[in-house]
Amino acid sequence: VQLQASGGGLVQAGGSLRLSCAARGINFRLYTLRWYRQAPGKEREFVAGITDYGSTDYADSVKGRFTIGRDYVRRTLSLQMNNLRPEDTAVYYCNVDARGSTYWGQGTLVTVSS
């Protein structure tokens, strides 16, 4: 299983970024996919998840600002992040639990300047 995250970068507070995660080696349609993030000096935390049938869940801190999506044709997971805040600065990871194991992408850095 390979998860390849991309789309991070430097943005000013109030700006937007869109993250993508390409998934290979799994039946993309079958599993819940998630985004996590880890800020410097903090534990990794859940950001958003989307089930195989499209039901979504968000951390309270990002509700109303972030939107998770999945493209079944391109086999990609996305995270549209709007109205970014300095506290959103972190490395963002895509995640899937599949076939009894947990898989992580390599992470993409998002830096939000004030």
PDB file of N, CA and C in Angstrom:
ATOM      1  N   VAL A   1       0.855  -1.185   0.000  1.00  0.00           N
ATOM      2  CA  VAL A   1       0.000   0.000   0.000  1.00  0.00           C
ATOM      3  C   VAL A   1       0.892   1.237   0.000  1.00  0.00           C
ATOM      4  N   GLN A   2       0.569   2.180  -0.873  1.00  0.00           N
ATOM      5  CA  GLN A   2       1.316   3.441  -0.929  1.00  0.00           C
ATOM      6  C   GLN A   2       0.350   4.606  -0.866  1.00  0.00           C
ATOM      7  N   LEU A   3       0.655   5.551   0.022  1.00  0.00           N
ATOM      8  CA  LEU A   3      -0.105   6.782   0.133  1.00  0.00           C
ATOM      9  C   LEU A   3       0.861   7.937  -0.106  1.00  0.00           C
ATOM     10  N   GLN A   4       0.587   8.739  -1.107  1.00  0.00           N
ATOM     11  CA  GLN A   4       1.476   9.835  -1.486  1.00  0.00           C
ATOM     12  C   GLN A   4       0.750  11.157  -1.321  1.00  0.00           C
ATOM     13  N   ALA A   5       1.119  11.902  -0.281  1.00  0.00           N
ATOM     14  CA  ALA A   5       0.474  13.181   0.003  1.00  0.00           C
ATOM     15  C   ALA A   5       1.209  14.325  -0.684  1.00  0.00           C
ATOM     16  N   SER A   6       0.465  15.340  -1.067  1.00  0.00           N
ATOM     17  CA  SER A   6       1.055  16.522  -1.697  1.00  0.00           C
ATOM     18  C   SER A   6       0.156  17.722  -1.485  1.00  0.00           C
ATOM     19  N   GLY A   7       0.674  18.899  -1.823  1.00  0.00           N
ATOM     20  CA  GLY A   7      -0.140  20.098  -1.784  1.00  0.00           C
ATOM     21  C   GLY A   7       0.161  21.058  -0.652  1.00  0.00           C
ATOM     22  N   GLY A   8       1.048  20.678   0.248  1.00  0.00           N
ATOM     23  CA  GLY A   8       1.379  21.582   1.339  1.00  0.00           C
ATOM     24  C   GLY A   8       2.169  22.784   0.865  1.00  0.00           C
ATOM     25  N   GLY A   9       2.334  23.751   1.755  1.00  0.00           N
ATOM     26  CA  GLY A   9       3.082  24.936   1.409  1.00  0.00           C
ATOM     27  C   GLY A   9       2.930  26.005   2.453  1.00  0.00           C
ATOM     28  N   LEU A  10       3.375  27.201   2.108  1.00  0.00           N
ATOM     29  CA  LEU A  10       3.302  28.358   2.992  1.00  0.00           C
ATOM     30  C   LEU A  10       2.163  29.258   2.534  1.00  0.00           C
ATOM     31  N   VAL A  11       1.314  29.639   3.485  1.00  0.00           N
ATOM     32  CA  VAL A  11       0.169  30.482   3.156  1.00  0.00           C
ATOM     33  C   VAL A  11      -0.060  31.455   4.307  1.00  0.00           C
ATOM     34  N   GLN A  12      -0.608  32.601   3.989  1.00  0.00           N
ATOM     35  CA  GLN A  12      -0.940  33.564   5.031  1.00  0.00           C
ATOM     36  C   GLN A  12      -2.251  33.182   5.716  1.00  0.00           C
ATOM     37  N   ALA A  13      -2.411  33.625   6.929  1.00  0.00           N
ATOM     38  CA  ALA A  13      -3.660  33.391   7.659  1.00  0.00           C
ATOM     39  C   ALA A  13      -4.833  33.912   6.832  1.00  0.00           C
ATOM     40  N   GLY A  14      -5.891  33.114   6.802  1.00  0.00           N
ATOM     41  CA  GLY A  14      -7.056  33.443   5.997  1.00  0.00           C
ATOM     42  C   GLY A  14      -7.020  32.853   4.606  1.00  0.00           C
ATOM     43  N   GLY A  15      -5.881  32.315   4.216  1.00  0.00           N
ATOM     44  CA  GLY A  15      -5.732  31.734   2.893  1.00  0.00           C
ATOM     45  C   GLY A  15      -6.224  30.305   2.816  1.00  0.00           C
ATOM     46  N   SER A  16      -6.014  29.691   1.651  1.00  0.00           N
ATOM     47  CA  SER A  16      -6.496  28.342   1.384  1.00  0.00           C
ATOM     48  C   SER A  16      -5.392  27.474   0.777  1.00  0.00           C
ATOM     49  N   LEU A  17      -5.515  26.194   1.043  1.00  0.00           N
ATOM     50  CA  LEU A  17      -4.674  25.182   0.413  1.00  0.00           C
ATOM     51  C   LEU A  17      -5.515  23.947   0.167  1.00  0.00           C
ATOM     52  N   ARG A  18      -5.101  23.164  -0.824  1.00  0.00           N
ATOM     53  CA  ARG A  18      -5.766  21.893  -1.094  1.00  0.00           C
ATOM     54  C   ARG A  18      -4.736  20.788  -1.073  1.00  0.00           C
ATOM     55  N   LEU A  19      -4.915  19.844  -0.187  1.00  0.00           N
ATOM     56  CA  LEU A  19      -4.033  18.683  -0.095  1.00  0.00           C
ATOM     57  C   LEU A  19      -4.626  17.519  -0.872  1.00  0.00           C
ATOM     58  N   SER A  20      -3.738  16.709  -1.421  1.00  0.00           N
ATOM     59  CA  SER A  20      -4.154  15.499  -2.118  1.00  0.00           C
ATOM     60  C   SER A  20      -3.351  14.315  -1.600  1.00  0.00           C
ATOM     61  N   CYS A  21      -3.947  13.147  -1.699  1.00  0.00           N
ATOM     62  CA  CYS A  21      -3.271  11.911  -1.306  1.00  0.00           C
ATOM     63  C   CYS A  21      -3.640  10.838  -2.326  1.00  0.00           C
ATOM     64  N   ALA A  22      -2.644  10.377  -3.052  1.00  0.00           N
ATOM     65  CA  ALA A  22      -2.863   9.309  -4.030  1.00  0.00           C
ATOM     66  C   ALA A  22      -2.686   7.960  -3.347  1.00  0.00           C
ATOM     67  N   ALA A  23      -3.645   7.080  -3.528  1.00  0.00           N
ATOM     68  CA  ALA A  23      -3.622   5.763  -2.877  1.00  0.00           C
ATOM     69  C   ALA A  23      -3.406   4.670  -3.912  1.00  0.00           C
ATOM     70  N   ARG A  24      -2.442   3.831  -3.660  1.00  0.00           N
ATOM     71  CA  ARG A  24      -2.142   2.708  -4.554  1.00  0.00           C
ATOM     72  C   ARG A  24      -2.010   1.436  -3.727  1.00  0.00           C
ATOM     73  N   GLY A  25      -2.412   0.328  -4.305  1.00  0.00           N
ATOM     74  CA  GLY A  25      -2.220  -0.961  -3.649  1.00  0.00           C
ATOM     75  C   GLY A  25      -3.379  -1.435  -2.810  1.00  0.00           C
ATOM     76  N   ILE A  26      -4.470  -0.665  -2.820  1.00  0.00           N
ATOM     77  CA  ILE A  26      -5.664  -1.096  -2.102  1.00  0.00           C
ATOM     78  C   ILE A  26      -6.878  -0.867  -2.992  1.00  0.00           C
ATOM     79  N   ASN A  27      -7.956  -1.570  -2.670  1.00  0.00           N
ATOM     80  CA  ASN A  27      -9.217  -1.286  -3.336  1.00  0.00           C
ATOM     81  C   ASN A  27      -9.767   0.001  -2.727  1.00  0.00           C
ATOM     82  N   PHE A  28      -9.598   1.078  -3.451  1.00  0.00           N
ATOM     83  CA  PHE A  28      -9.860   2.418  -2.923  1.00  0.00           C
ATOM     84  C   PHE A  28     -11.294   2.565  -2.431  1.00  0.00           C
ATOM     85  N   ARG A  29     -12.196   1.811  -3.002  1.00  0.00           N
ATOM     86  CA  ARG A  29     -13.611   1.997  -2.693  1.00  0.00           C
ATOM     87  C   ARG A  29     -14.010   1.425  -1.336  1.00  0.00           C
ATOM     88  N   LEU A  30     -13.193   0.580  -0.758  1.00  0.00           N
ATOM     89  CA  LEU A  30     -13.628  -0.217   0.380  1.00  0.00           C
ATOM     90  C   LEU A  30     -13.398   0.425   1.749  1.00  0.00           C
ATOM     91  N   TYR A  31     -12.499   1.404   1.844  1.00  0.00           N
ATOM     92  CA  TYR A  31     -12.015   1.788   3.158  1.00  0.00           C
ATOM     93  C   TYR A  31     -12.302   3.241   3.519  1.00  0.00           C
ATOM     94  N   THR A  32     -12.389   3.464   4.832  1.00  0.00           N
ATOM     95  CA  THR A  32     -12.423   4.818   5.359  1.00  0.00           C
ATOM     96  C   THR A  32     -11.025   5.420   5.238  1.00  0.00           C
ATOM     97  N   LEU A  33     -10.959   6.640   4.764  1.00  0.00           N
ATOM     98  CA  LEU A  33      -9.700   7.365   4.597  1.00  0.00           C
ATOM     99  C   LEU A  33      -9.708   8.571   5.525  1.00  0.00           C
ATOM    100  N   ARG A  34      -8.562   8.910   6.048  1.00  0.00           N
ATOM    101  CA  ARG A  34      -8.478   9.975   7.044  1.00  0.00           C
ATOM    102  C   ARG A  34      -7.276  10.892   6.799  1.00  0.00           C
ATOM    103  N   TRP A  35      -7.397  12.095   7.299  1.00  0.00           N
ATOM    104  CA  TRP A  35      -6.284  13.029   7.415  1.00  0.00           C
ATOM    105  C   TRP A  35      -5.977  13.239   8.896  1.00  0.00           C
ATOM    106  N   TYR A  36      -4.713  13.218   9.213  1.00  0.00           N
ATOM    107  CA  TYR A  36      -4.218  13.570  10.537  1.00  0.00           C
ATOM    108  C   TYR A  36      -3.197  14.697  10.363  1.00  0.00           C
ATOM    109  N   ARG A  37      -2.848  15.321  11.456  1.00  0.00           N
ATOM    110  CA  ARG A  37      -1.790  16.319  11.422  1.00  0.00           C
ATOM    111  C   ARG A  37      -0.981  16.267  12.721  1.00  0.00           C
ATOM    112  N   GLN A  38       0.258  16.725  12.601  1.00  0.00           N
ATOM    113  CA  GLN A  38       1.126  16.784  13.770  1.00  0.00           C
ATOM    114  C   GLN A  38       1.885  18.098  13.757  1.00  0.00           C
ATOM    115  N   ALA A  39       1.591  18.914  14.756  1.00  0.00           N
ATOM    116  CA  ALA A  39       2.270  20.196  14.916  1.00  0.00           C
ATOM    117  C   ALA A  39       3.557  19.990  15.711  1.00  0.00           C
ATOM    118  N   PRO A  40       4.513  20.893  15.568  1.00  0.00           N
ATOM    119  CA  PRO A  40       5.779  20.760  16.303  1.00  0.00           C
ATOM    120  C   PRO A  40       5.547  20.632  17.801  1.00  0.00           C
ATOM    121  N   GLY A  41       6.126  19.599  18.395  1.00  0.00           N
ATOM    122  CA  GLY A  41       6.026  19.406  19.829  1.00  0.00           C
ATOM    123  C   GLY A  41       4.701  18.852  20.307  1.00  0.00           C
ATOM    124  N   LYS A  42       3.825  18.477  19.378  1.00  0.00           N
ATOM    125  CA  LYS A  42       2.512  17.965  19.769  1.00  0.00           C
ATOM    126  C   LYS A  42       2.293  16.567  19.199  1.00  0.00           C
ATOM    127  N   GLU A  43       1.290  15.894  19.749  1.00  0.00           N
ATOM    128  CA  GLU A  43       0.947  14.565  19.251  1.00  0.00           C
ATOM    129  C   GLU A  43       0.156  14.674  17.939  1.00  0.00           C
ATOM    130  N   ARG A  44       0.227  13.610  17.179  1.00  0.00           N
ATOM    131  CA  ARG A  44      -0.560  13.546  15.955  1.00  0.00           C
ATOM    132  C   ARG A  44      -2.046  13.530  16.319  1.00  0.00           C
ATOM    133  N   GLU A  45      -2.854  14.284  15.569  1.00  0.00           N
ATOM    134  CA  GLU A  45      -4.280  14.369  15.876  1.00  0.00           C
ATOM    135  C   GLU A  45      -5.118  14.177  14.623  1.00  0.00           C
ATOM    136  N   PHE A  46      -6.309  13.674  14.842  1.00  0.00           N
ATOM    137  CA  PHE A  46      -7.269  13.458  13.769  1.00  0.00           C
ATOM    138  C   PHE A  46      -7.754  14.801  13.250  1.00  0.00           C
ATOM    139  N   VAL A  47      -7.888  14.898  11.916  1.00  0.00           N
ATOM    140  CA  VAL A  47      -8.409  16.108  11.286  1.00  0.00           C
ATOM    141  C   VAL A  47      -9.767  15.840  10.633  1.00  0.00           C
ATOM    142  N   ALA A  48      -9.812  14.831   9.772  1.00  0.00           N
ATOM    143  CA  ALA A  48     -11.049  14.551   9.039  1.00  0.00           C
ATOM    144  C   ALA A  48     -11.009  13.126   8.512  1.00  0.00           C
ATOM    145  N   GLY A  49     -12.203  12.561   8.305  1.00  0.00           N
ATOM    146  CA  GLY A  49     -12.302  11.222   7.757  1.00  0.00           C
ATOM    147  C   GLY A  49     -13.490  11.118   6.818  1.00  0.00           C
ATOM    148  N   ILE A  50     -13.406  10.175   5.888  1.00  0.00           N
ATOM    149  CA  ILE A  50     -14.506   9.933   4.952  1.00  0.00           C
ATOM    150  C   ILE A  50     -14.636   8.431   4.751  1.00  0.00           C
ATOM    151  N   THR A  51     -15.853   7.925   4.920  1.00  0.00           N
ATOM    152  CA  THR A  51     -16.087   6.492   4.813  1.00  0.00           C
ATOM    153  C   THR A  51     -16.182   6.055   3.349  1.00  0.00           C
ATOM    154  N   ASP A  52     -16.298   4.755   3.167  1.00  0.00           N
ATOM    155  CA  ASP A  52     -16.387   4.207   1.811  1.00  0.00           C
ATOM    156  C   ASP A  52     -17.635   4.699   1.086  1.00  0.00           C
ATOM    157  N   TYR A  53     -18.681   5.048   1.811  1.00  0.00           N
ATOM    158  CA  TYR A  53     -19.906   5.528   1.167  1.00  0.00           C
ATOM    159  C   TYR A  53     -20.058   7.037   1.241  1.00  0.00           C
ATOM    160  N   GLY A  54     -18.985   7.732   1.693  1.00  0.00           N
ATOM    161  CA  GLY A  54     -18.967   9.184   1.610  1.00  0.00           C
ATOM    162  C   GLY A  54     -19.381   9.944   2.845  1.00  0.00           C
ATOM    163  N   SER A  55     -19.651   9.272   3.939  1.00  0.00           N
ATOM    164  CA  SER A  55     -19.951   9.972   5.181  1.00  0.00           C
ATOM    165  C   SER A  55     -18.673  10.599   5.738  1.00  0.00           C
ATOM    166  N   THR A  56     -18.792  11.830   6.228  1.00  0.00           N
ATOM    167  CA  THR A  56     -17.607  12.563   6.669  1.00  0.00           C
ATOM    168  C   THR A  56     -17.654  12.884   8.156  1.00  0.00           C
ATOM    169  N   ASP A  57     -16.487  13.116   8.718  1.00  0.00           N
ATOM    170  CA  ASP A  57     -16.341  13.474  10.118  1.00  0.00           C
ATOM    171  C   ASP A  57     -15.163  14.433  10.222  1.00  0.00           C
ATOM    172  N   TYR A  58     -15.268  15.405  11.136  1.00  0.00           N
ATOM    173  CA  TYR A  58     -14.236  16.422  11.270  1.00  0.00           C
ATOM    174  C   TYR A  58     -13.918  16.676  12.731  1.00  0.00           C
ATOM    175  N   ALA A  59     -12.682  17.033  12.985  1.00  0.00           N
ATOM    176  CA  ALA A  59     -12.328  17.552  14.290  1.00  0.00           C
ATOM    177  C   ALA A  59     -13.039  18.889  14.490  1.00  0.00           C
ATOM    178  N   ASP A  60     -13.399  19.181  15.726  1.00  0.00           N
ATOM    179  CA  ASP A  60     -14.118  20.428  16.003  1.00  0.00           C
ATOM    180  C   ASP A  60     -13.321  21.645  15.538  1.00  0.00           C
ATOM    181  N   SER A  61     -12.018  21.567  15.636  1.00  0.00           N
ATOM    182  CA  SER A  61     -11.171  22.717  15.323  1.00  0.00           C
ATOM    183  C   SER A  61     -11.189  23.093  13.837  1.00  0.00           C
ATOM    184  N   VAL A  62     -11.635  22.178  12.977  1.00  0.00           N
ATOM    185  CA  VAL A  62     -11.609  22.471  11.529  1.00  0.00           C
ATOM    186  C   VAL A  62     -12.996  22.483  10.900  1.00  0.00           C
ATOM    187  N   LYS A  63     -14.020  22.169  11.678  1.00  0.00           N
ATOM    188  CA  LYS A  63     -15.381  22.146  11.134  1.00  0.00           C
ATOM    189  C   LYS A  63     -15.742  23.502  10.541  1.00  0.00           C
ATOM    190  N   GLY A  64     -16.330  23.457   9.351  1.00  0.00           N
ATOM    191  CA  GLY A  64     -16.731  24.685   8.681  1.00  0.00           C
ATOM    192  C   GLY A  64     -15.631  25.330   7.874  1.00  0.00           C
ATOM    193  N   ARG A  65     -14.390  24.857   8.024  1.00  0.00           N
ATOM    194  CA  ARG A  65     -13.274  25.434   7.280  1.00  0.00           C
ATOM    195  C   ARG A  65     -12.642  24.417   6.331  1.00  0.00           C
ATOM    196  N   PHE A  66     -12.614  23.160   6.728  1.00  0.00           N
ATOM    197  CA  PHE A  66     -11.989  22.114   5.929  1.00  0.00           C
ATOM    198  C   PHE A  66     -13.057  21.209   5.332  1.00  0.00           C
ATOM    199  N   THR A  67     -12.777  20.686   4.135  1.00  0.00           N
ATOM    200  CA  THR A  67     -13.680  19.745   3.480  1.00  0.00           C
ATOM    201  C   THR A  67     -12.873  18.569   2.936  1.00  0.00           C
ATOM    202  N   ILE A  68     -13.247  17.380   3.376  1.00  0.00           N
ATOM    203  CA  ILE A  68     -12.582  16.174   2.893  1.00  0.00           C
ATOM    204  C   ILE A  68     -13.376  15.596   1.732  1.00  0.00           C
ATOM    205  N   GLY A  69     -12.660  15.039   0.759  1.00  0.00           N
ATOM    206  CA  GLY A  69     -13.333  14.440  -0.380  1.00  0.00           C
ATOM    207  C   GLY A  69     -12.538  13.267  -0.932  1.00  0.00           C
ATOM    208  N   ARG A  70     -13.189  12.468  -1.745  1.00  0.00           N
ATOM    209  CA  ARG A  70     -12.480  11.355  -2.377  1.00  0.00           C
ATOM    210  C   ARG A  70     -12.936  11.236  -3.820  1.00  0.00           C
ATOM    211  N   ASP A  71     -11.991  10.962  -4.707  1.00  0.00           N
ATOM    212  CA  ASP A  71     -12.262  10.801  -6.138  1.00  0.00           C
ATOM    213  C   ASP A  71     -12.027   9.329  -6.462  1.00  0.00           C
ATOM    214  N   TYR A  72     -13.110   8.614  -6.745  1.00  0.00           N
ATOM    215  CA  TYR A  72     -13.003   7.178  -6.970  1.00  0.00           C
ATOM    216  C   TYR A  72     -12.318   6.856  -8.294  1.00  0.00           C
ATOM    217  N   VAL A  73     -12.393   7.740  -9.266  1.00  0.00           N
ATOM    218  CA  VAL A  73     -11.763   7.489 -10.560  1.00  0.00           C
ATOM    219  C   VAL A  73     -10.248   7.688 -10.446  1.00  0.00           C
ATOM    220  N   ARG A  74      -9.848   8.818  -9.864  1.00  0.00           N
ATOM    221  CA  ARG A  74      -8.421   9.120  -9.723  1.00  0.00           C
ATOM    222  C   ARG A  74      -7.794   8.457  -8.509  1.00  0.00           C
ATOM    223  N   ARG A  75      -8.632   7.830  -7.668  1.00  0.00           N
ATOM    224  CA  ARG A  75      -8.130   7.141  -6.477  1.00  0.00           C
ATOM    225  C   ARG A  75      -7.344   8.104  -5.582  1.00  0.00           C
ATOM    226  N   THR A  76      -7.906   9.264  -5.366  1.00  0.00           N
ATOM    227  CA  THR A  76      -7.248  10.253  -4.524  1.00  0.00           C
ATOM    228  C   THR A  76      -8.169  10.750  -3.424  1.00  0.00           C
ATOM    229  N   LEU A  77      -7.551  11.069  -2.310  1.00  0.00           N
ATOM    230  CA  LEU A  77      -8.196  11.694  -1.172  1.00  0.00           C
ATOM    231  C   LEU A  77      -7.786  13.161  -1.173  1.00  0.00           C
ATOM    232  N   SER A  78      -8.698  14.043  -0.843  1.00  0.00           N
ATOM    233  CA  SER A  78      -8.374  15.467  -0.828  1.00  0.00           C
ATOM    234  C   SER A  78      -8.778  16.103   0.490  1.00  0.00           C
ATOM    235  N   LEU A  79      -8.186  17.254   0.757  1.00  0.00           N
ATOM    236  CA  LEU A  79      -8.563  18.063   1.911  1.00  0.00           C
ATOM    237  C   LEU A  79      -8.479  19.519   1.485  1.00  0.00           C
ATOM    238  N   GLN A  80      -9.631  20.133   1.303  1.00  0.00           N
ATOM    239  CA  GLN A  80      -9.699  21.555   0.985  1.00  0.00           C
ATOM    240  C   GLN A  80      -9.698  22.328   2.296  1.00  0.00           C
ATOM    241  N   MET A  81      -8.704  23.191   2.468  1.00  0.00           N
ATOM    242  CA  MET A  81      -8.551  23.926   3.717  1.00  0.00           C
ATOM    243  C   MET A  81      -8.718  25.410   3.443  1.00  0.00           C
ATOM    244  N   ASN A  82      -9.748  25.990   4.017  1.00  0.00           N
ATOM    245  CA  ASN A  82     -10.036  27.413   3.846  1.00  0.00           C
ATOM    246  C   ASN A  82      -9.893  28.140   5.168  1.00  0.00           C
ATOM    247  N   ASN A  83      -9.751  29.444   5.076  1.00  0.00           N
ATOM    248  CA  ASN A  83      -9.644  30.280   6.267  1.00  0.00           C
ATOM    249  C   ASN A  83      -8.594  29.718   7.238  1.00  0.00           C
ATOM    250  N   LEU A  84      -7.437  29.443   6.716  1.00  0.00           N
ATOM    251  CA  LEU A  84      -6.385  28.834   7.522  1.00  0.00           C
ATOM    252  C   LEU A  84      -5.908  29.760   8.623  1.00  0.00           C
ATOM    253  N   ARG A  85      -5.510  29.152   9.722  1.00  0.00           N
ATOM    254  CA  ARG A  85      -5.048  29.872  10.909  1.00  0.00           C
ATOM    255  C   ARG A  85      -3.621  29.421  11.242  1.00  0.00           C
ATOM    256  N   PRO A  86      -2.877  30.243  11.934  1.00  0.00           N
ATOM    257  CA  PRO A  86      -1.521  29.827  12.322  1.00  0.00           C
ATOM    258  C   PRO A  86      -1.502  28.502  13.082  1.00  0.00           C
ATOM    259  N   GLU A  87      -2.540  28.241  13.862  1.00  0.00           N
ATOM    260  CA  GLU A  87      -2.581  26.987  14.612  1.00  0.00           C
ATOM    261  C   GLU A  87      -2.842  25.764  13.738  1.00  0.00           C
ATOM    262  N   ASP A  88      -3.116  25.969  12.456  1.00  0.00           N
ATOM    263  CA  ASP A  88      -3.233  24.839  11.525  1.00  0.00           C
ATOM    264  C   ASP A  88      -1.862  24.390  11.009  1.00  0.00           C
ATOM    265  N   THR A  89      -0.820  25.125  11.353  1.00  0.00           N
ATOM    266  CA  THR A  89       0.525  24.746  10.928  1.00  0.00           C
ATOM    267  C   THR A  89       0.889  23.375  11.470  1.00  0.00           C
ATOM    268  N   ALA A  90       1.244  22.463  10.566  1.00  0.00           N
ATOM    269  CA  ALA A  90       1.539  21.089  10.947  1.00  0.00           C
ATOM    270  C   ALA A  90       1.969  20.307   9.713  1.00  0.00           C
ATOM    271  N   VAL A  91       2.471  19.119   9.956  1.00  0.00           N
ATOM    272  CA  VAL A  91       2.636  18.143   8.883  1.00  0.00           C
ATOM    273  C   VAL A  91       1.340  17.344   8.797  1.00  0.00           C
ATOM    274  N   TYR A  92       0.783  17.257   7.609  1.00  0.00           N
ATOM    275  CA  TYR A  92      -0.487  16.581   7.395  1.00  0.00           C
ATOM    276  C   TYR A  92      -0.229  15.215   6.756  1.00  0.00           C
ATOM    277  N   TYR A  93      -0.901  14.209   7.309  1.00  0.00           N
ATOM    278  CA  TYR A  93      -0.716  12.829   6.864  1.00  0.00           C
ATOM    279  C   TYR A  93      -2.053  12.228   6.442  1.00  0.00           C
ATOM    280  N   CYS A  94      -2.043  11.485   5.343  1.00  0.00           N
ATOM    281  CA  CYS A  94      -3.207  10.686   5.001  1.00  0.00           C
ATOM    282  C   CYS A  94      -3.030   9.289   5.593  1.00  0.00           C
ATOM    283  N   ASN A  95      -4.149   8.642   5.834  1.00  0.00           N
ATOM    284  CA  ASN A  95      -4.150   7.394   6.609  1.00  0.00           C
ATOM    285  C   ASN A  95      -5.258   6.482   6.128  1.00  0.00           C
ATOM    286  N   VAL A  96      -4.967   5.188   6.157  1.00  0.00           N
ATOM    287  CA  VAL A  96      -6.005   4.201   5.909  1.00  0.00           C
ATOM    288  C   VAL A  96      -5.701   2.961   6.748  1.00  0.00           C
ATOM    289  N   ASP A  97      -6.747   2.370   7.282  1.00  0.00           N
ATOM    290  CA  ASP A  97      -6.652   1.057   7.918  1.00  0.00           C
ATOM    291  C   ASP A  97      -7.168   0.044   6.919  1.00  0.00           C
ATOM    292  N   ALA A  98      -6.302  -0.837   6.461  1.00  0.00           N
ATOM    293  CA  ALA A  98      -6.685  -1.782   5.419  1.00  0.00           C
ATOM    294  C   ALA A  98      -6.020  -3.126   5.665  1.00  0.00           C
ATOM    295  N   ARG A  99      -6.791  -4.144   5.524  1.00  0.00           N
ATOM    296  CA  ARG A  99      -6.274  -5.532   5.601  1.00  0.00           C
ATOM    297  C   ARG A  99      -5.523  -5.755   6.911  1.00  0.00           C
ATOM    298  N   GLY A 100      -6.050  -5.216   7.987  1.00  0.00           N
ATOM    299  CA  GLY A 100      -5.481  -5.470   9.300  1.00  0.00           C
ATOM    300  C   GLY A 100      -4.290  -4.616   9.662  1.00  0.00           C
ATOM    301  N   SER A 101      -3.909  -3.672   8.822  1.00  0.00           N
ATOM    302  CA  SER A 101      -2.766  -2.808   9.102  1.00  0.00           C
ATOM    303  C   SER A 101      -3.146  -1.345   8.930  1.00  0.00           C
ATOM    304  N   THR A 102      -2.348  -0.477   9.537  1.00  0.00           N
ATOM    305  CA  THR A 102      -2.526   0.964   9.398  1.00  0.00           C
ATOM    306  C   THR A 102      -1.417   1.512   8.510  1.00  0.00           C
ATOM    307  N   TYR A 103      -1.797   2.299   7.522  1.00  0.00           N
ATOM    308  CA  TYR A 103      -0.839   2.855   6.573  1.00  0.00           C
ATOM    309  C   TYR A 103      -0.884   4.377   6.629  1.00  0.00           C
ATOM    310  N   TRP A 104       0.313   4.973   6.502  1.00  0.00           N
ATOM    311  CA  TRP A 104       0.448   6.423   6.535  1.00  0.00           C
ATOM    312  C   TRP A 104       1.180   6.906   5.291  1.00  0.00           C
ATOM    313  N   GLY A 105       0.753   8.053   4.796  1.00  0.00           N
ATOM    314  CA  GLY A 105       1.537   8.724   3.782  1.00  0.00           C
ATOM    315  C   GLY A 105       2.752   9.373   4.412  1.00  0.00           C
ATOM    316  N   GLN A 106       3.595   9.971   3.585  1.00  0.00           N
ATOM    317  CA  GLN A 106       4.852  10.523   4.082  1.00  0.00           C
ATOM    318  C   GLN A 106       4.683  11.894   4.728  1.00  0.00           C
ATOM    319  N   GLY A 107       3.531  12.498   4.578  1.00  0.00           N
ATOM    320  CA  GLY A 107       3.290  13.795   5.187  1.00  0.00           C
ATOM    321  C   GLY A 107       3.611  14.942   4.256  1.00  0.00           C
ATOM    322  N   THR A 108       2.843  16.011   4.395  1.00  0.00           N
ATOM    323  CA  THR A 108       3.098  17.239   3.637  1.00  0.00           C
ATOM    324  C   THR A 108       2.956  18.412   4.598  1.00  0.00           C
ATOM    325  N   LEU A 109       3.914  19.321   4.553  1.00  0.00           N
ATOM    326  CA  LEU A 109       3.986  20.402   5.530  1.00  0.00           C
ATOM    327  C   LEU A 109       3.124  21.575   5.113  1.00  0.00           C
ATOM    328  N   VAL A 110       2.288  22.016   6.041  1.00  0.00           N
ATOM    329  CA  VAL A 110       1.478  23.220   5.867  1.00  0.00           C
ATOM    330  C   VAL A 110       1.945  24.242   6.896  1.00  0.00           C
ATOM    331  N   THR A 111       2.319  25.411   6.430  1.00  0.00           N
ATOM    332  CA  THR A 111       2.753  26.491   7.307  1.00  0.00           C
ATOM    333  C   THR A 111       1.869  27.695   7.068  1.00  0.00           C
ATOM    334  N   VAL A 112       1.231  28.159   8.131  1.00  0.00           N
ATOM    335  CA  VAL A 112       0.333  29.317   8.040  1.00  0.00           C
ATOM    336  C   VAL A 112       0.962  30.469   8.818  1.00  0.00           C
ATOM    337  N   SER A 113       1.264  31.537   8.121  1.00  0.00           N
ATOM    338  CA  SER A 113       1.877  32.698   8.767  1.00  0.00           C
ATOM    339  C   SER A 113       0.807  33.689   9.205  1.00  0.00           C
ATOM    340  N   SER A 114       1.111  34.373  10.304  1.00  0.00           N
ATOM    341  CA  SER A 114       0.124  35.334  10.845  1.00  0.00           C
ATOM    342  C   SER A 114       0.307  36.718  10.244  1.00  0.00           C
TER     343      SER A 114
END
